[in-house]
PDB file of N, CA and C in Angstrom:
ATOM      1  N   UNK A   1     -13.253  -0.124 -10.194  1.00  0.00           N
ATOM      2  CA  UNK A   1     -11.811  -0.293 -10.075  1.00  0.00           C
ATOM      3  C   UNK A   1     -11.485  -1.447  -9.124  1.00  0.00           C
ATOM      4  N   UNK A   2     -12.212  -1.541  -8.023  1.00  0.00           N
ATOM      5  CA  UNK A   2     -11.935  -2.590  -7.043  1.00  0.00           C
ATOM      6  C   UNK A   2     -12.086  -3.979  -7.657  1.00  0.00           C
ATOM      7  N   UNK A   3     -13.125  -4.170  -8.453  1.00  0.00           N
ATOM      8  CA  UNK A   3     -13.352  -5.477  -9.074  1.00  0.00           C
ATOM      9  C   UNK A   3     -12.199  -5.855  -9.997  1.00  0.00           C
ATOM     10  N   UNK A   4     -11.691  -4.886 -10.751  1.00  0.00           N
ATOM     11  CA  UNK A   4     -10.561  -5.164 -11.652  1.00  0.00           C
ATOM     12  C   UNK A   4      -9.299  -5.482 -10.862  1.00  0.00           C
ATOM     13  N   UNK A   5      -9.075  -4.760  -9.765  1.00  0.00           N
ATOM     14  CA  UNK A   5      -7.912  -5.034  -8.919  1.00  0.00           C
ATOM     15  C   UNK A   5      -7.979  -6.447  -8.346  1.00  0.00           C
ATOM     16  N   UNK A   6      -9.137  -6.812  -7.837  1.00  0.00           N
ATOM     17  CA  UNK A   6      -9.300  -8.143  -7.255  1.00  0.00           C
ATOM     18  C   UNK A   6      -9.103  -9.237  -8.300  1.00  0.00           C
ATOM     19  N   UNK A   7      -9.542  -8.982  -9.514  1.00  0.00           N
ATOM     20  CA  UNK A   7      -9.372  -9.955 -10.595  1.00  0.00           C
ATOM     21  C   UNK A   7      -7.889 -10.189 -10.895  1.00  0.00           C
ATOM     22  N   UNK A   8      -7.114  -9.110 -10.954  1.00  0.00           N
ATOM     23  CA  UNK A   8      -5.678  -9.234 -11.218  1.00  0.00           C
ATOM     24  C   UNK A   8      -4.986  -9.929 -10.051  1.00  0.00           C
ATOM     25  N   UNK A   9      -5.324  -9.554  -8.825  1.00  0.00           N
ATOM     26  CA  UNK A   9      -4.716 -10.193  -7.657  1.00  0.00           C
ATOM     27  C   UNK A   9      -5.041 -11.684  -7.624  1.00  0.00           C
ATOM     28  N   UNK A  10      -6.226 -12.041  -8.071  1.00  0.00           N
ATOM     29  CA  UNK A  10      -6.618 -13.450  -8.126  1.00  0.00           C
ATOM     30  C   UNK A  10      -5.736 -14.215  -9.114  1.00  0.00           C
ATOM     31  N   UNK A  11      -5.367 -13.567 -10.212  1.00  0.00           N
ATOM     32  CA  UNK A  11      -4.466 -14.197 -11.196  1.00  0.00           C
ATOM     33  C   UNK A  11      -3.072 -14.412 -10.622  1.00  0.00           C
ATOM     34  N   UNK A  12      -2.657 -13.519  -9.735  1.00  0.00           N
ATOM     35  CA  UNK A  12      -1.325 -13.616  -9.126  1.00  0.00           C
ATOM     36  C   UNK A  12      -1.268 -14.643  -7.997  1.00  0.00           C
ATOM     37  N   UNK A  13      -2.398 -14.953  -7.424  1.00  0.00           N
ATOM     38  CA  UNK A  13      -2.464 -15.802  -6.231  1.00  0.00           C
ATOM     39  C   UNK A  13      -1.746 -17.150  -6.383  1.00  0.00           C
ATOM     40  N   UNK A  14      -1.919 -17.888  -7.492  1.00  0.00           N
ATOM     41  CA  UNK A  14      -1.231 -19.184  -7.604  1.00  0.00           C
ATOM     42  C   UNK A  14       0.291 -19.067  -7.514  1.00  0.00           C
ATOM     43  N   UNK A  15       0.862 -18.021  -8.123  1.00  0.00           N
ATOM     44  CA  UNK A  15       2.309 -17.817  -8.064  1.00  0.00           C
ATOM     45  C   UNK A  15       2.759 -17.580  -6.622  1.00  0.00           C
ATOM     46  N   UNK A  16       2.007 -16.758  -5.901  1.00  0.00           N
ATOM     47  CA  UNK A  16       2.368 -16.457  -4.518  1.00  0.00           C
ATOM     48  C   UNK A  16       2.187 -17.682  -3.623  1.00  0.00           C
ATOM     49  N   UNK A  17       1.127 -18.429  -3.847  1.00  0.00           N
ATOM     50  CA  UNK A  17       0.861 -19.621  -3.031  1.00  0.00           C
ATOM     51  C   UNK A  17       1.915 -20.702  -3.232  1.00  0.00           C
ATOM     52  N   UNK A  18       2.498 -20.766  -4.437  1.00  0.00           N
ATOM     53  CA  UNK A  18       3.566 -21.740  -4.693  1.00  0.00           C
ATOM     54  C   UNK A  18       4.725 -21.548  -3.725  1.00  0.00           C
ATOM     55  N   UNK A  19       4.905 -20.333  -3.280  1.00  0.00           N
ATOM     56  CA  UNK A  19       6.001 -19.998  -2.372  1.00  0.00           C
ATOM     57  C   UNK A  19       5.518 -19.807  -0.938  1.00  0.00           C
ATOM     58  N   UNK A  20       4.283 -20.196  -0.672  1.00  0.00           N
ATOM     59  CA  UNK A  20       3.750 -20.106   0.684  1.00  0.00           C
ATOM     60  C   UNK A  20       3.276 -18.728   1.088  1.00  0.00           C
ATOM     61  N   UNK A  21       3.073 -17.855   0.115  1.00  0.00           N
ATOM     62  CA  UNK A  21       2.673 -16.488   0.426  1.00  0.00           C
ATOM     63  C   UNK A  21       1.310 -16.136  -0.120  1.00  0.00           C
ATOM     64  N   UNK A  22       1.021 -14.855  -0.051  1.00  0.00           N
ATOM     65  CA  UNK A  22      -0.242 -14.353  -0.563  1.00  0.00           C
ATOM     66  C   UNK A  22      -0.280 -12.843  -0.456  1.00  0.00           C
ATOM     67  N   UNK A  23      -1.364 -12.273  -0.946  1.00  0.00           N
ATOM     68  CA  UNK A  23      -1.539 -10.826  -0.902  1.00  0.00           C
ATOM     69  C   UNK A  23      -3.021 -10.529  -0.704  1.00  0.00           C
ATOM     70  N   UNK A  24      -3.293  -9.466   0.043  1.00  0.00           N
ATOM     71  CA  UNK A  24      -4.668  -9.067   0.346  1.00  0.00           C
ATOM     72  C   UNK A  24      -4.827  -7.582   0.034  1.00  0.00           C
ATOM     73  N   UNK A  25      -5.882  -7.239  -0.673  1.00  0.00           N
ATOM     74  CA  UNK A  25      -6.188  -5.840  -0.958  1.00  0.00           C
ATOM     75  C   UNK A  25      -6.694  -5.179   0.317  1.00  0.00           C
ATOM     76  N   UNK A  26      -6.085  -4.049   0.691  1.00  0.00           N
ATOM     77  CA  UNK A  26      -6.452  -3.362   1.929  1.00  0.00           C
ATOM     78  C   UNK A  26      -7.206  -2.069   1.644  1.00  0.00           C
ATOM     79  N   UNK A  27      -6.660  -1.245   0.751  1.00  0.00           N
ATOM     80  CA  UNK A  27      -7.257   0.070   0.515  1.00  0.00           C
ATOM     81  C   UNK A  27      -6.941   0.548  -0.896  1.00  0.00           C
ATOM     82  N   UNK A  28      -7.861   1.306  -1.448  1.00  0.00           N
ATOM     83  CA  UNK A  28      -7.677   1.916  -2.763  1.00  0.00           C
ATOM     84  C   UNK A  28      -7.931   3.408  -2.612  1.00  0.00           C
ATOM     85  N   UNK A  29      -6.950   4.217  -2.972  1.00  0.00           N
ATOM     86  CA  UNK A  29      -7.159   5.662  -3.000  1.00  0.00           C
ATOM     87  C   UNK A  29      -7.408   6.035  -4.458  1.00  0.00           C
ATOM     88  N   UNK A  30      -8.658   6.206  -4.809  1.00  0.00           N
ATOM     89  CA  UNK A  30      -9.005   6.465  -6.204  1.00  0.00           C
ATOM     90  C   UNK A  30      -8.565   7.854  -6.670  1.00  0.00           C
ATOM     91  N   UNK A  31      -8.319   8.775  -5.744  1.00  0.00           N
ATOM     92  CA  UNK A  31      -7.846  10.111  -6.126  1.00  0.00           C
ATOM     93  C   UNK A  31      -6.393  10.082  -6.569  1.00  0.00           C
ATOM     94  N   UNK A  32      -5.563   9.309  -5.854  1.00  0.00           N
ATOM     95  CA  UNK A  32      -4.134   9.266  -6.163  1.00  0.00           C
ATOM     96  C   UNK A  32      -3.734   8.041  -6.974  1.00  0.00           C
ATOM     97  N   UNK A  33      -4.570   7.018  -6.987  1.00  0.00           N
ATOM     98  CA  UNK A  33      -4.239   5.775  -7.684  1.00  0.00           C
ATOM     99  C   UNK A  33      -3.346   4.846  -6.883  1.00  0.00           C
ATOM    100  N   UNK A  34      -3.140   5.157  -5.606  1.00  0.00           N
ATOM    101  CA  UNK A  34      -2.292   4.323  -4.751  1.00  0.00           C
ATOM    102  C   UNK A  34      -3.129   3.189  -4.161  1.00  0.00           C
ATOM    103  N   UNK A  35      -2.618   1.977  -4.313  1.00  0.00           N
ATOM    104  CA  UNK A  35      -3.280   0.780  -3.809  1.00  0.00           C
ATOM    105  C   UNK A  35      -2.444   0.224  -2.656  1.00  0.00           C
ATOM    106  N   UNK A  36      -3.088  -0.044  -1.536  1.00  0.00           N
ATOM    107  CA  UNK A  36      -2.410  -0.632  -0.375  1.00  0.00           C
ATOM    108  C   UNK A  36      -2.768  -2.105  -0.291  1.00  0.00           C
ATOM    109  N   UNK A  37      -1.737  -2.927  -0.098  1.00  0.00           N
ATOM    110  CA  UNK A  37      -1.937  -4.368   0.038  1.00  0.00           C
ATOM    111  C   UNK A  37      -1.223  -4.859   1.287  1.00  0.00           C
ATOM    112  N   UNK A  38      -1.616  -6.032   1.735  1.00  0.00           N
ATOM    113  CA  UNK A  38      -0.950  -6.682   2.858  1.00  0.00           C
ATOM    114  C   UNK A  38      -0.360  -7.983   2.327  1.00  0.00           C
ATOM    115  N   UNK A  39       0.934  -8.154   2.537  1.00  0.00           N
ATOM    116  CA  UNK A  39       1.593  -9.397   2.152  1.00  0.00           C
ATOM    117  C   UNK A  39       1.268 -10.434   3.221  1.00  0.00           C
ATOM    118  N   UNK A  40       1.043 -11.674   2.800  1.00  0.00           N
ATOM    119  CA  UNK A  40       0.621 -12.737   3.706  1.00  0.00           C
ATOM    120  C   UNK A  40       1.579 -13.924   3.671  1.00  0.00           C
ATOM    121  N   UNK A  41       1.470 -14.761   4.684  1.00  0.00           N
ATOM    122  CA  UNK A  41       2.234 -16.004   4.725  1.00  0.00           C
ATOM    123  C   UNK A  41       3.731 -15.768   4.726  1.00  0.00           C
ATOM    124  N   UNK A  42       4.434 -16.551   3.921  1.00  0.00           N
ATOM    125  CA  UNK A  42       5.893 -16.467   3.888  1.00  0.00           C
ATOM    126  C   UNK A  42       6.405 -15.195   3.226  1.00  0.00           C
ATOM    127  N   UNK A  43       5.516 -14.439   2.596  1.00  0.00           N
ATOM    128  CA  UNK A  43       5.923 -13.148   2.017  1.00  0.00           C
ATOM    129  C   UNK A  43       6.263 -12.138   3.118  1.00  0.00           C
ATOM    130  N   UNK A  44       5.667 -12.316   4.288  1.00  0.00           N
ATOM    131  CA  UNK A  44       5.916 -11.411   5.411  1.00  0.00           C
ATOM    132  C   UNK A  44       7.360 -11.602   5.871  1.00  0.00           C
ATOM    133  N   UNK A  45       8.133 -10.542   5.788  1.00  0.00           N
ATOM    134  CA  UNK A  45       9.513 -10.592   6.236  1.00  0.00           C
ATOM    135  C   UNK A  45      10.483 -11.201   5.240  1.00  0.00           C
ATOM    136  N   UNK A  46      10.005 -11.684   4.116  1.00  0.00           N
ATOM    137  CA  UNK A  46      10.882 -12.278   3.106  1.00  0.00           C
ATOM    138  C   UNK A  46      11.708 -11.176   2.445  1.00  0.00           C
ATOM    139  N   UNK A  47      13.018 -11.396   2.281  1.00  0.00           N
ATOM    140  CA  UNK A  47      13.851 -10.372   1.655  1.00  0.00           C
ATOM    141  C   UNK A  47      13.465 -10.085   0.195  1.00  0.00           C
ATOM    142  N   UNK A  48      12.778 -11.016  -0.448  1.00  0.00           N
ATOM    143  CA  UNK A  48      12.374 -10.812  -1.838  1.00  0.00           C
ATOM    144  C   UNK A  48      10.970 -10.230  -1.979  1.00  0.00           C
ATOM    145  N   UNK A  49      10.295  -9.974  -0.862  1.00  0.00           N
ATOM    146  CA  UNK A  49       8.911  -9.495  -0.942  1.00  0.00           C
ATOM    147  C   UNK A  49       8.811  -8.135  -1.627  1.00  0.00           C
ATOM    148  N   UNK A  50       9.806  -7.285  -1.469  1.00  0.00           N
ATOM    149  CA  UNK A  50       9.781  -5.971  -2.122  1.00  0.00           C
ATOM    150  C   UNK A  50       9.888  -6.135  -3.637  1.00  0.00           C
ATOM    151  N   UNK A  51      10.711  -7.084  -4.074  1.00  0.00           N
ATOM    152  CA  UNK A  51      10.824  -7.379  -5.503  1.00  0.00           C
ATOM    153  C   UNK A  51       9.505  -7.930  -6.036  1.00  0.00           C
ATOM    154  N   UNK A  52       8.888  -8.820  -5.273  1.00  0.00           N
ATOM    155  CA  UNK A  52       7.585  -9.372  -5.654  1.00  0.00           C
ATOM    156  C   UNK A  52       6.545  -8.264  -5.728  1.00  0.00           C
ATOM    157  N   UNK A  53       6.580  -7.363  -4.755  1.00  0.00           N
ATOM    158  CA  UNK A  53       5.612  -6.268  -4.706  1.00  0.00           C
ATOM    159  C   UNK A  53       5.756  -5.348  -5.914  1.00  0.00           C
ATOM    160  N   UNK A  54       6.959  -4.860  -6.154  1.00  0.00           N
ATOM    161  CA  UNK A  54       7.172  -3.860  -7.209  1.00  0.00           C
ATOM    162  C   UNK A  54       7.264  -4.490  -8.598  1.00  0.00           C
ATOM    163  N   UNK A  55       8.035  -5.570  -8.724  1.00  0.00           N
ATOM    164  CA  UNK A  55       8.260  -6.177 -10.031  1.00  0.00           C
ATOM    165  C   UNK A  55       7.145  -7.086 -10.499  1.00  0.00           C
ATOM    166  N   UNK A  56       6.346  -7.578  -9.572  1.00  0.00           N
ATOM    167  CA  UNK A  56       5.268  -8.490  -9.926  1.00  0.00           C
ATOM    168  C   UNK A  56       3.900  -7.870  -9.746  1.00  0.00           C
ATOM    169  N   UNK A  57       3.547  -7.638  -8.498  1.00  0.00           N
ATOM    170  CA  UNK A  57       2.195  -7.163  -8.173  1.00  0.00           C
ATOM    171  C   UNK A  57       1.935  -5.772  -8.747  1.00  0.00           C
ATOM    172  N   UNK A  58       2.803  -4.813  -8.443  1.00  0.00           N
ATOM    173  CA  UNK A  58       2.585  -3.447  -8.924  1.00  0.00           C
ATOM    174  C   UNK A  58       2.610  -3.388 -10.449  1.00  0.00           C
ATOM    175  N   UNK A  59       3.570  -4.063 -11.060  1.00  0.00           N
ATOM    176  CA  UNK A  59       3.680  -4.034 -12.523  1.00  0.00           C
ATOM    177  C   UNK A  59       2.415  -4.572 -13.183  1.00  0.00           C
ATOM    178  N   UNK A  60       1.901  -5.671 -12.666  1.00  0.00           N
ATOM    179  CA  UNK A  60       0.714  -6.272 -13.269  1.00  0.00           C
ATOM    180  C   UNK A  60      -0.530  -5.413 -13.021  1.00  0.00           C
ATOM    181  N   UNK A  61      -0.653  -4.877 -11.817  1.00  0.00           N
ATOM    182  CA  UNK A  61      -1.804  -4.014 -11.536  1.00  0.00           C
ATOM    183  C   UNK A  61      -1.784  -2.771 -12.427  1.00  0.00           C
ATOM    184  N   UNK A  62      -0.614  -2.165 -12.611  1.00  0.00           N
ATOM    185  CA  UNK A  62      -0.508  -0.981 -13.466  1.00  0.00           C
ATOM    186  C   UNK A  62      -0.840  -1.314 -14.922  1.00  0.00           C
ATOM    187  N   UNK A  63      -0.460  -2.506 -15.349  1.00  0.00           N
ATOM    188  CA  UNK A  63      -0.718  -2.906 -16.733  1.00  0.00           C
ATOM    189  C   UNK A  63      -2.212  -3.084 -17.008  1.00  0.00           C
ATOM    190  N   UNK A  64      -2.919  -3.697 -16.070  1.00  0.00           N
ATOM    191  CA  UNK A  64      -4.323  -4.031 -16.294  1.00  0.00           C
ATOM    192  C   UNK A  64      -5.320  -3.025 -15.720  1.00  0.00           C
ATOM    193  N   UNK A  65      -4.870  -2.214 -14.778  1.00  0.00           N
ATOM    194  CA  UNK A  65      -5.752  -1.198 -14.184  1.00  0.00           C
ATOM    195  C   UNK A  65      -5.014   0.139 -14.307  1.00  0.00           C
ATOM    196  N   UNK A  66      -5.287   0.838 -15.378  1.00  0.00           N
ATOM    197  CA  UNK A  66      -4.509   2.034 -15.747  1.00  0.00           C
ATOM    198  C   UNK A  66      -4.539   3.140 -14.691  1.00  0.00           C
ATOM    199  N   UNK A  67      -5.544   3.142 -13.826  1.00  0.00           N
ATOM    200  CA  UNK A  67      -5.640   4.187 -12.797  1.00  0.00           C
ATOM    201  C   UNK A  67      -4.616   4.005 -11.675  1.00  0.00           C
ATOM    202  N   UNK A  68      -4.018   2.825 -11.573  1.00  0.00           N
ATOM    203  CA  UNK A  68      -3.055   2.544 -10.503  1.00  0.00           C
ATOM    204  C   UNK A  68      -1.753   3.282 -10.784  1.00  0.00           C
ATOM    205  N   UNK A  69      -1.297   4.047  -9.785  1.00  0.00           N
ATOM    206  CA  UNK A  69      -0.031   4.776  -9.907  1.00  0.00           C
ATOM    207  C   UNK A  69       1.066   4.140  -9.067  1.00  0.00           C
ATOM    208  N   UNK A  70       0.690   3.464  -7.983  1.00  0.00           N
ATOM    209  CA  UNK A  70       1.666   2.829  -7.097  1.00  0.00           C
ATOM    210  C   UNK A  70       0.956   1.794  -6.234  1.00  0.00           C
ATOM    211  N   UNK A  71       1.740   0.826  -5.781  1.00  0.00           N
ATOM    212  CA  UNK A  71       1.238  -0.184  -4.845  1.00  0.00           C
ATOM    213  C   UNK A  71       2.181  -0.191  -3.655  1.00  0.00           C
ATOM    214  N   UNK A  72       1.619  -0.087  -2.457  1.00  0.00           N
ATOM    215  CA  UNK A  72       2.431  -0.107  -1.243  1.00  0.00           C
ATOM    216  C   UNK A  72       1.959  -1.241  -0.343  1.00  0.00           C
ATOM    217  N   UNK A  73       2.901  -1.789   0.401  1.00  0.00           N
ATOM    218  CA  UNK A  73       2.575  -2.853   1.356  1.00  0.00           C
ATOM    219  C   UNK A  73       2.449  -2.244   2.738  1.00  0.00           C
ATOM    220  N   UNK A  74       1.405  -2.635   3.442  1.00  0.00           N
ATOM    221  CA  UNK A  74       1.235  -2.211   4.827  1.00  0.00           C
ATOM    222  C   UNK A  74       1.155  -3.455   5.699  1.00  0.00           C
ATOM    223  N   UNK A  75       1.452  -3.279   6.963  1.00  0.00           N
ATOM    224  CA  UNK A  75       1.385  -4.412   7.901  1.00  0.00           C
ATOM    225  C   UNK A  75       0.193  -4.283   8.802  1.00  0.00           C
TER     226      UNK A  75
END
């Protein structure tokens, strides 16, 4: 599961870097399907980071890694 998550996050990286941001995989709870990530760069504190997290990162991870139930950002 971790390898698939990292592959999807790698695909998202260019979009995030265009805006000066990034994302880092922190933890995977394989029992619940909850994935924890850390927003990086300009994504930290950005008012649109929640939209990026839920509408972009979480949506794509759920699409390609069926075990994912939610993605949360931690600091």
